[in-house]
């Protein structure tokens, strides 16, 4: 018999059942669990492990912020920082790939643009790299990799923006 609450739940929380127990969670936790579930990470991390890791993940922003501005950070703290950034960008790349790929596959303008690119420089690049790609193969590969390239552009934009305060003094 599942417990039934008569009090309305706040909009900032969601309820989910985990092994027969109800648990309150914030929208951030719900979104993180949904992202983890959707990108297939659950094969490597079970939901139980993910729910145990979640409190640690949610406390990371404070810890990472302290580590970033700590001139005497230990190697362990820096390793955690690098790992968190790697995980963050991996999630961003996976999310971009999952969301942009279905949209891009339907866009004829991108395929036409990649065909023009092949005609201008792609064929020369393929020869220089000793790759025998036909025009159609080149378009197929470039369209498939387009969402990944958007992630790379985003990563470089964010990194460059974070350098602006140091550059501008």
Protein backbone atom coordinates (compact mmCIF):
# COMPACT_ATOMS: atom_id res chain seq x y z
CA UNK A 1 0.00 0.00 0.00
CA UNK A 2 1.55 3.29 -1.12
CA UNK A 3 1.27 6.25 1.27
CA UNK A 4 -1.03 8.98 0.02
CA UNK A 5 -0.45 12.56 1.05
CA UNK A 6 -3.34 15.01 1.19
CA UNK A 7 -1.05 18.04 1.16
CA UNK A 8 -0.28 19.52 -2.26
CA UNK A 9 3.35 19.22 -3.23
CA UNK A 10 5.24 22.39 -4.09
CA UNK A 11 5.91 22.95 -7.79
CA UNK A 12 9.65 22.83 -7.18
CA UNK A 13 9.55 19.18 -6.16
CA UNK A 14 8.65 15.96 -7.88
CA UNK A 15 7.89 12.55 -6.41
CA UNK A 16 9.29 9.34 -7.70
CA UNK A 17 9.23 5.82 -6.42
CA UNK A 18 12.54 4.11 -5.88
CA UNK A 19 12.42 0.50 -4.72
CA UNK A 20 9.04 1.01 -3.08
CA UNK A 21 10.02 4.20 -1.23
CA UNK A 22 8.78 7.64 -2.14
CA UNK A 23 11.37 10.34 -2.24
CA UNK A 24 11.08 14.08 -2.70
CA UNK A 25 13.46 15.63 -5.17
CA UNK A 26 14.03 19.06 -6.64
CA UNK A 27 13.55 19.82 -10.31
CA UNK A 28 17.34 19.89 -10.70
CA UNK A 29 17.64 16.35 -9.34
CA UNK A 30 14.76 15.19 -11.54
CA UNK A 31 16.35 16.77 -14.61
CA UNK A 32 19.75 15.23 -13.84
CA UNK A 33 18.23 11.79 -13.40
CA UNK A 34 16.22 12.19 -16.60
CA UNK A 35 19.32 13.26 -18.56
CA UNK A 36 21.34 10.37 -17.15
CA UNK A 37 18.54 7.96 -18.06
CA UNK A 38 18.04 9.37 -21.57
CA UNK A 39 21.66 9.38 -22.67
CA UNK A 40 22.12 5.75 -21.75
CA UNK A 41 24.51 6.22 -18.85
CA UNK A 42 22.25 3.94 -16.80
CA UNK A 43 23.89 0.94 -18.43
CA UNK A 44 27.12 1.88 -16.65
CA UNK A 45 25.60 3.49 -13.55
CA UNK A 46 22.51 1.90 -12.08
CA UNK A 47 19.69 4.10 -10.85
CA UNK A 48 20.64 3.17 -7.29
CA UNK A 49 24.20 4.34 -7.82
CA UNK A 50 22.96 7.47 -9.59
CA UNK A 51 20.65 8.33 -6.69
CA UNK A 52 23.52 7.82 -4.23
CA UNK A 53 25.84 9.99 -6.33
CA UNK A 54 23.25 12.75 -6.79
CA UNK A 55 23.77 14.52 -3.42
CA UNK A 56 27.50 14.64 -4.12
CA UNK A 57 26.87 16.01 -7.61
CA UNK A 58 24.57 18.69 -6.25
CA UNK A 59 27.17 19.84 -3.71
CA UNK A 60 29.86 19.98 -6.41
CA UNK A 61 29.16 23.53 -7.63
CA UNK A 62 30.15 24.97 -4.24
CA UNK A 63 33.16 22.68 -3.96
CA UNK A 64 34.26 23.40 -7.53
CA UNK A 65 33.85 27.14 -7.07
CA UNK A 66 36.05 26.99 -3.96
CA UNK A 67 38.65 24.86 -5.79
CA UNK A 68 38.76 27.15 -8.82
CA UNK A 69 39.65 30.17 -6.69
CA UNK A 70 41.93 28.31 -4.28
CA UNK A 71 45.58 29.05 -5.14
CA UNK A 72 46.65 26.17 -2.86
CA UNK A 73 44.31 23.47 -4.20
CA UNK A 74 45.57 19.93 -3.75
CA UNK A 75 46.08 17.54 -6.63
CA UNK A 76 43.03 15.57 -5.45
CA UNK A 77 40.84 18.71 -5.55
CA UNK A 78 42.14 19.57 -9.01
CA UNK A 79 41.46 16.02 -10.19
CA UNK A 80 37.86 16.32 -8.95
CA UNK A 81 37.57 19.68 -10.74
CA UNK A 82 38.88 18.28 -14.03
CA UNK A 83 36.65 15.21 -13.71
CA UNK A 84 33.58 17.38 -13.08
CA UNK A 85 34.37 19.57 -16.07
CA UNK A 86 34.89 16.49 -18.23
CA UNK A 87 31.56 15.06 -17.11
CA UNK A 88 29.85 18.42 -17.69
CA UNK A 89 31.14 18.74 -21.25
CA UNK A 90 30.41 15.07 -21.99
CA UNK A 91 26.80 15.65 -20.93
CA UNK A 92 26.60 18.82 -23.03
CA UNK A 93 27.97 17.00 -26.09
CA UNK A 94 25.56 14.09 -25.58
CA UNK A 95 22.58 16.41 -25.10
CA UNK A 96 23.49 18.43 -28.20
CA UNK A 97 23.93 15.26 -30.23
CA UNK A 98 20.59 13.77 -29.06
CA UNK A 99 18.65 17.00 -29.62
CA UNK A 100 20.24 18.31 -32.83
CA UNK A 101 20.66 15.07 -34.81
CA UNK A 102 16.96 14.45 -35.55
CA UNK A 103 16.53 18.08 -36.58
CA UNK A 104 19.65 18.19 -38.76
CA UNK A 105 18.83 14.96 -40.60
CA UNK A 106 15.74 16.69 -42.06
CA UNK A 107 17.56 19.83 -43.23
CA UNK A 108 18.33 19.89 -46.94
CA UNK A 109 20.19 23.22 -46.64
CA UNK A 110 22.92 21.60 -44.55
CA UNK A 111 23.41 18.77 -47.03
CA UNK A 112 23.60 21.30 -49.88
CA UNK A 113 26.12 23.41 -47.93
CA UNK A 114 28.26 20.34 -47.21
CA UNK A 115 28.15 19.45 -50.91
CA UNK A 116 29.41 22.93 -51.82
CA UNK A 117 32.08 22.61 -49.15
CA UNK A 118 33.20 19.29 -50.65
CA UNK A 119 33.42 20.89 -54.09
CA UNK A 120 35.50 23.84 -52.81
CA UNK A 121 37.86 22.37 -50.20
CA UNK A 122 36.60 18.96 -49.11
CA UNK A 123 38.00 17.10 -52.07
CA UNK A 124 41.42 18.73 -51.48
CA UNK A 125 41.28 17.87 -47.78
CA UNK A 126 40.41 14.26 -48.58
CA UNK A 127 43.35 14.00 -50.99
CA UNK A 128 45.72 15.61 -48.47
CA UNK A 129 44.61 13.11 -45.82
CA UNK A 130 44.76 10.20 -48.32
CA UNK A 131 41.06 9.48 -47.77
CA UNK A 132 38.97 8.25 -50.70
CA UNK A 133 35.59 9.73 -49.80
CA UNK A 134 33.00 10.29 -52.45
CA UNK A 135 30.94 13.46 -52.37
CA UNK A 136 28.00 11.55 -50.85
CA UNK A 137 30.20 9.89 -48.20
CA UNK A 138 31.72 13.28 -47.29
CA UNK A 139 28.23 14.83 -46.90
CA UNK A 140 27.05 11.88 -44.79
CA UNK A 141 30.02 12.13 -42.41
CA UNK A 142 29.91 15.91 -42.12
CA UNK A 143 26.15 15.96 -41.43
CA UNK A 144 26.58 13.21 -38.82
CA UNK A 145 29.39 15.17 -37.10
CA UNK A 146 27.67 18.56 -37.33
CA UNK A 147 26.10 18.41 -33.81
CA UNK A 148 29.49 17.48 -32.33
CA UNK A 149 31.07 20.47 -34.03
CA UNK A 150 28.44 22.76 -32.51
CA UNK A 151 29.46 21.42 -29.09
CA UNK A 152 33.10 22.18 -29.87
CA UNK A 153 32.18 25.72 -30.95
CA UNK A 154 30.16 26.19 -27.76
CA UNK A 155 33.02 24.87 -25.63
CA UNK A 156 35.47 27.26 -27.28
CA UNK A 157 33.07 30.19 -26.92
CA UNK A 158 32.60 29.53 -23.20
CA UNK A 159 36.33 29.04 -22.65
CA UNK A 160 37.13 32.24 -24.54
CA UNK A 161 34.48 34.18 -22.62
CA UNK A 162 35.97 32.99 -19.33
CA UNK A 163 39.36 34.35 -20.46
CA UNK A 164 38.00 37.84 -21.15
CA UNK A 165 38.41 39.17 -17.58
CA UNK A 166 42.09 38.15 -17.58
CA UNK A 167 42.69 39.57 -21.06
CA UNK A 168 40.90 42.86 -20.38
CA UNK A 169 42.63 43.26 -17.03
